[in-house]
Protein backbone atom coordinates (compact mmCIF):
# COMPACT_ATOMS: atom_id res chain seq x y z
CA MET A 1 -138.22 -22.85 181.04
CA GLU A 2 -137.41 -24.95 178.00
CA LYS A 3 -134.27 -27.07 178.12
CA ILE A 4 -131.43 -25.75 175.97
CA THR A 5 -128.74 -28.13 174.70
CA VAL A 6 -126.17 -28.32 171.93
CA THR A 7 -125.31 -31.67 170.35
CA MET A 8 -121.87 -31.72 168.76
CA THR A 9 -122.80 -33.70 165.68
CA GLY A 10 -119.44 -33.02 164.02
CA THR A 11 -116.21 -31.77 165.63
CA GLY A 12 -113.84 -32.39 162.73
CA SER A 13 -112.26 -30.43 159.90
CA PRO A 14 -111.57 -30.70 156.14
CA ARG A 15 -109.13 -33.53 156.85
CA PRO A 16 -111.12 -36.81 157.08
CA GLU A 17 -110.92 -38.61 160.40
CA ILE A 18 -112.80 -41.77 161.28
CA ASN A 19 -113.82 -40.60 164.77
CA ARG A 20 -114.82 -37.03 163.90
CA SER A 21 -117.45 -36.02 161.35
CA GLY A 22 -117.49 -32.71 159.48
CA PRO A 23 -118.34 -29.49 161.32
CA SER A 24 -121.93 -29.27 162.56
CA GLN A 25 -123.95 -28.91 165.74
CA VAL A 26 -127.63 -28.97 166.68
CA LEU A 27 -128.98 -26.34 169.07
CA SER A 28 -132.14 -27.68 170.72
CA ILE A 29 -134.55 -25.31 172.45
CA GLY A 30 -137.21 -27.60 173.83
CA ASP A 31 -138.63 -29.35 170.76
CA THR A 32 -137.14 -26.86 168.29
CA HIS A 33 -133.94 -28.13 166.69
CA ILE A 34 -131.60 -25.78 164.80
CA LEU A 35 -128.73 -27.17 162.72
CA ILE A 36 -125.63 -24.99 162.43
CA ASP A 37 -123.38 -26.02 159.54
CA CYS A 38 -123.87 -29.22 157.62
CA GLY A 39 -120.63 -31.19 157.40
CA GLU A 40 -119.99 -34.70 156.15
CA ASN A 41 -122.03 -37.49 157.80
CA VAL A 42 -124.46 -35.04 159.42
CA VAL A 43 -127.62 -37.09 158.75
CA ARG A 44 -126.22 -40.22 160.38
CA GLN A 45 -124.99 -38.17 163.34
CA ILE A 46 -128.40 -36.57 163.83
CA GLN A 47 -129.95 -40.04 163.83
CA LYS A 48 -127.38 -41.35 166.31
CA ALA A 49 -128.21 -38.41 168.57
CA GLN A 50 -131.88 -39.46 168.34
CA ILE A 51 -132.93 -36.03 167.09
CA PRO A 52 -135.92 -36.32 164.71
CA LEU A 53 -134.48 -35.46 161.30
CA HIS A 54 -137.79 -34.21 159.94
CA GLN A 55 -138.16 -31.79 162.84
CA ILE A 56 -135.08 -29.76 161.94
CA ASN A 57 -136.66 -26.77 160.21
CA TYR A 58 -133.77 -24.30 160.49
CA LEU A 59 -130.22 -24.50 159.16
CA PHE A 60 -127.60 -21.78 159.64
CA MET A 61 -124.44 -21.85 157.51
CA THR A 62 -121.50 -19.97 159.01
CA HIS A 63 -119.70 -19.98 155.64
CA LEU A 64 -119.56 -21.86 152.37
CA HIS A 65 -116.44 -23.98 152.70
CA ALA A 66 -116.76 -27.58 151.58
CA ASP A 67 -116.24 -29.15 155.01
CA HIS A 68 -119.23 -27.20 156.33
CA LEU A 69 -121.42 -28.16 153.33
CA TYR A 70 -120.65 -31.76 152.39
CA GLY A 71 -123.75 -33.08 154.14
CA TYR A 72 -126.25 -30.60 152.71
CA GLY A 73 -127.53 -32.63 149.78
CA HIS A 74 -128.20 -35.62 152.02
CA PHE A 75 -129.81 -33.45 154.71
CA LEU A 76 -131.99 -31.64 152.16
CA VAL A 77 -133.39 -34.78 150.52
CA ALA A 78 -133.39 -37.18 153.49
CA GLY A 79 -135.06 -34.71 155.84
CA TRP A 80 -137.80 -34.12 153.28
CA GLY A 81 -138.14 -37.84 152.63
CA SER A 82 -138.49 -38.38 156.39
CA GLY A 83 -141.44 -36.01 156.57
CA ARG A 84 -140.07 -32.48 156.90
CA LYS A 85 -142.70 -29.95 155.79
CA GLU A 86 -140.71 -26.72 155.90
CA LEU A 87 -137.12 -25.53 155.99
CA THR A 88 -135.39 -22.16 156.39
CA VAL A 89 -131.71 -21.91 155.45
CA VAL A 90 -129.64 -18.92 156.55
CA GLY A 91 -126.13 -18.19 155.30
CA PRO A 92 -123.81 -15.75 153.55
CA LYS A 93 -124.12 -14.64 149.94
CA GLY A 94 -123.94 -17.67 147.69
CA THR A 95 -126.17 -19.83 149.88
CA LYS A 96 -129.16 -19.46 147.55
CA LYS A 97 -127.11 -20.43 144.48
CA PHE A 98 -125.67 -23.43 146.31
CA HIS A 99 -129.16 -24.57 147.37
CA GLU A 100 -130.49 -24.20 143.82
CA GLN A 101 -127.57 -26.24 142.48
CA MET A 102 -128.48 -29.05 144.89
CA LEU A 103 -132.07 -28.97 143.65
CA GLU A 104 -130.81 -29.20 140.07
CA ILE A 105 -128.58 -32.17 140.89
CA PHE A 106 -131.44 -34.07 142.51
CA LYS A 107 -134.30 -32.85 140.29
CA ASP A 108 -134.98 -36.28 138.74
CA ASP A 109 -135.01 -37.97 142.14
CA ILE A 110 -137.28 -35.27 143.59
CA GLY A 111 -139.52 -35.45 140.53
CA TYR A 112 -139.85 -39.22 140.85
CA ARG A 113 -140.80 -39.00 144.52
CA THR A 114 -143.36 -36.25 143.96
CA SER A 115 -144.87 -38.34 141.14
CA LEU A 116 -145.47 -41.05 143.74
CA GLY A 117 -147.38 -38.64 145.94
CA PHE A 118 -144.70 -36.98 148.07
CA SER A 119 -145.61 -33.36 148.79
CA PRO A 120 -143.07 -30.86 147.41
CA ALA A 121 -143.41 -28.91 150.66
CA GLY A 122 -140.18 -28.99 152.62
CA ILE A 123 -137.88 -29.17 149.61
CA MET A 124 -139.23 -27.11 146.70
CA ASP A 125 -140.30 -24.20 148.90
CA VAL A 126 -137.20 -23.86 151.09
CA ARG A 127 -136.80 -20.31 152.35
CA VAL A 128 -133.22 -19.13 151.84
CA ILE A 129 -132.08 -16.00 153.69
CA GLU A 130 -128.72 -14.56 152.67
CA VAL A 131 -126.93 -12.50 155.30
CA ASP A 132 -125.38 -9.42 153.71
CA GLU A 133 -124.14 -7.68 156.83
CA PRO A 134 -123.86 -8.18 160.58
CA GLY A 135 -126.84 -7.59 162.83
CA GLN A 136 -130.10 -9.18 163.84
CA ILE A 137 -131.70 -11.68 161.47
CA GLU A 138 -135.47 -11.47 161.14
CA LEU A 139 -137.01 -14.93 161.52
CA ILE A 140 -140.57 -16.05 162.17
CA ASN A 141 -141.50 -18.67 164.78
CA LEU A 142 -137.95 -19.24 165.98
CA PRO A 143 -137.79 -19.25 169.83
CA ALA A 144 -134.55 -17.25 169.76
CA THR A 145 -133.28 -13.88 168.62
CA VAL A 146 -130.37 -14.40 166.23
CA THR A 147 -127.56 -11.92 165.69
CA ALA A 148 -124.74 -12.34 163.16
CA ALA A 149 -121.21 -10.90 163.30
CA ASN A 150 -118.42 -10.86 160.72
CA MET A 151 -115.51 -13.20 161.40
CA ILE A 152 -111.96 -13.26 160.00
CA HIS A 153 -111.61 -16.06 157.47
CA ASN A 154 -110.73 -16.44 153.78
CA VAL A 155 -114.37 -16.35 152.66
CA PRO A 156 -117.32 -14.37 154.09
CA THR A 157 -118.04 -15.97 157.47
CA PHE A 158 -120.57 -15.21 160.19
CA ALA A 159 -120.72 -16.17 163.83
CA TYR A 160 -124.23 -16.44 165.28
CA ARG A 161 -125.57 -15.56 168.71
CA PHE A 162 -128.81 -17.31 169.67
CA GLN A 163 -130.47 -15.37 172.49
CA ILE A 164 -133.17 -17.36 174.28
CA GLY A 165 -134.64 -15.10 176.95
CA SER A 166 -131.80 -14.32 179.35
CA GLN A 167 -129.61 -17.14 178.01
CA ALA A 168 -127.36 -17.25 174.97
CA VAL A 169 -125.40 -19.68 172.81
CA VAL A 170 -122.74 -18.37 170.39
CA ILE A 171 -121.19 -20.39 167.55
CA SER A 172 -118.09 -18.86 165.99
CA GLY A 173 -117.72 -20.67 162.70
CA ASP A 174 -114.12 -20.54 161.43
CA THR A 175 -112.20 -17.44 162.45
CA ALA A 176 -108.94 -15.90 163.55
CA PRO A 177 -109.10 -13.96 166.83
CA THR A 178 -111.35 -10.93 166.48
CA ASP A 179 -112.91 -8.36 168.80
CA GLU A 180 -116.19 -8.89 166.94
CA LEU A 181 -116.50 -12.35 168.46
CA VAL A 182 -115.73 -10.98 171.93
CA LYS A 183 -118.52 -8.42 171.51
CA LEU A 184 -120.98 -10.98 170.14
CA SER A 185 -120.23 -13.42 172.98
CA GLN A 186 -120.57 -11.03 175.92
CA GLY A 187 -122.08 -12.88 178.88
CA ALA A 188 -123.06 -15.94 176.81
CA ASP A 189 -123.78 -19.20 178.58
CA ILE A 190 -122.02 -21.23 175.89
CA LEU A 191 -119.41 -20.27 173.27
CA ILE A 192 -118.60 -22.91 170.67
CA GLN A 193 -115.26 -21.89 169.23
CA ASP A 194 -112.98 -22.87 166.35
CA ALA A 195 -109.68 -24.04 167.89
CA CYS A 196 -108.04 -26.05 165.14
CA LEU A 197 -104.52 -24.63 165.57
CA THR A 198 -103.17 -27.21 167.99
CA THR A 199 -99.47 -27.91 168.41
CA THR A 200 -99.90 -31.61 167.64
CA SER A 201 -101.92 -31.21 164.43
CA MET A 202 -100.64 -32.93 161.31
CA TYR A 203 -99.99 -29.58 159.61
CA ASN A 204 -97.79 -28.30 162.41
CA THR A 205 -95.71 -31.47 162.73
CA THR A 206 -95.15 -32.30 159.06
CA THR A 207 -91.89 -31.63 157.21
CA ARG A 208 -93.56 -31.39 153.79
CA PRO A 209 -93.02 -27.83 152.44
CA GLU A 210 -96.49 -27.52 150.90
CA MET A 211 -98.10 -28.54 154.20
CA LYS A 212 -95.99 -26.01 156.06
CA LYS A 213 -97.42 -23.34 153.75
CA VAL A 214 -100.92 -24.52 154.60
CA TRP A 215 -100.08 -24.23 158.31
CA GLU A 216 -98.83 -20.67 157.84
CA ASN A 217 -102.09 -19.68 156.16
CA LEU A 218 -104.25 -21.48 158.71
CA GLN A 219 -102.80 -19.23 161.40
CA LYS A 220 -104.34 -16.20 159.65
CA GLU A 221 -107.88 -17.60 159.68
CA HIS A 222 -108.31 -19.93 162.68
CA CYS A 223 -107.66 -19.92 166.45
CA THR A 224 -105.45 -21.80 168.86
CA PRO A 225 -107.05 -23.17 172.04
CA LYS A 226 -105.30 -20.33 173.91
CA GLU A 227 -106.78 -17.70 171.60
CA ALA A 228 -110.23 -19.24 171.90
CA ALA A 229 -109.84 -19.19 175.69
CA GLU A 230 -108.82 -15.52 175.58
CA THR A 231 -111.98 -14.72 173.62
CA ALA A 232 -114.12 -16.59 176.14
CA GLN A 233 -112.40 -14.94 179.11
CA ASN A 234 -112.69 -11.43 177.66
CA ALA A 235 -116.34 -12.01 176.82
CA GLY A 236 -117.19 -13.37 180.26
CA VAL A 237 -118.85 -16.51 178.95
CA LYS A 238 -119.67 -19.39 181.28
CA GLN A 239 -118.71 -22.40 179.15
CA LEU A 240 -116.24 -22.76 176.28
CA ILE A 241 -116.66 -25.65 173.83
CA LEU A 242 -113.70 -26.13 171.50
CA THR A 243 -114.18 -27.70 168.07
CA HIS A 244 -113.03 -28.01 164.43
CA PHE A 245 -110.18 -30.37 165.23
CA LEU A 246 -107.57 -31.57 162.77
CA PRO A 247 -106.38 -35.18 163.01
CA GLU A 248 -103.89 -36.39 165.62
CA ILE A 249 -104.73 -33.86 168.31
CA ASP A 250 -103.82 -34.21 171.98
CA ILE A 251 -107.06 -33.64 173.90
CA ASP A 252 -105.33 -33.27 177.28
CA GLU A 253 -102.94 -30.66 175.93
CA ILE A 254 -105.80 -28.68 174.35
CA TYR A 255 -107.71 -28.73 177.63
CA ARG A 256 -104.67 -27.55 179.62
CA GLU A 257 -103.88 -24.77 177.18
CA ALA A 258 -107.42 -23.37 177.32
CA SER A 259 -107.91 -23.90 181.06
CA GLU A 260 -104.80 -21.88 181.90
CA ILE A 261 -106.49 -18.82 180.36
CA PHE A 262 -110.24 -19.33 180.77
CA SER A 263 -111.69 -19.49 184.28
CA GLY A 264 -115.02 -21.01 183.25
CA ILE A 265 -115.84 -24.53 182.09
CA VAL A 266 -113.74 -25.87 179.19
CA VAL A 267 -114.98 -28.81 177.12
CA VAL A 268 -112.96 -30.61 174.43
CA PRO A 269 -115.78 -32.70 172.99
CA ASN A 270 -116.03 -35.86 171.01
CA ASP A 271 -118.67 -36.25 168.33
CA LEU A 272 -122.20 -36.60 169.75
CA ASP A 273 -121.32 -35.07 173.11
CA VAL A 274 -124.16 -32.92 174.45
CA VAL A 275 -123.58 -29.66 176.32
CA SER A 276 -126.28 -27.71 178.07
CA ILE A 277 -127.10 -24.36 179.62
CA GLU A 278 -127.58 -26.23 182.88
CA MET A 279 -123.95 -27.38 182.75
CA ALA A 280 -122.84 -23.80 182.13
CA ALA A 281 -124.88 -22.60 185.12
CA VAL A 282 -122.96 -24.83 187.52
CA LYS A 283 -120.07 -22.39 187.57
CA SER A 284 -122.07 -19.17 187.29
């Protein structure tokens, strides 16, 4: 059986933090590497993780918020420049337009490189699949069956379940608590869950009125560690990985809050931490 791992290339949020890059993770199934979301600094993080950049041929966007997209232009051009020959991008409506805008921005650079002999394959022939509704996504040559589910956020957002034989990895994207995520995550080996609503976050502790308003709205479209743990417990997953952290969090507090609810393995990762199906199986 092929080894299945997830590298947490970015565990941060829209608020810049020196120790956490923008939201992204790489699901590796043997030698197949799948990037989910494409936050700031993603190319450097992939390189630090020693994942061959040119071998990432699939990218899934959970939604089209800036913090999940900042790294796309760099990933698109640098992956091609490193030798990538093909790329499939999956995301909600608007993904195709966003991709085409990136091509327009970099058209002179791409044109110069192709004039030197670079093949246009891997950048000018990117396959973009827009997800209109929940359900299974038809993909060729991917060693996983992928199912999308609608999440609760302020723009169209999809969680993805990657089913690899009898094993499964679910990535929530940004969402408030929803039964759709519980259904999608049933029996999964790993659930990677938005848990940005921590009691020590800068939004929750500030006295600035405009920031307080932001905090009120965040509670309608994200999860607390407790809520993420409730999702994992109700879905019967084996391992819960919390992510999408705002600055100034208390890792120990987050772990305690989730562990009081969820009976499986709880991980509060740093950037570049690697989690695996094998780790999840320890407690199964």
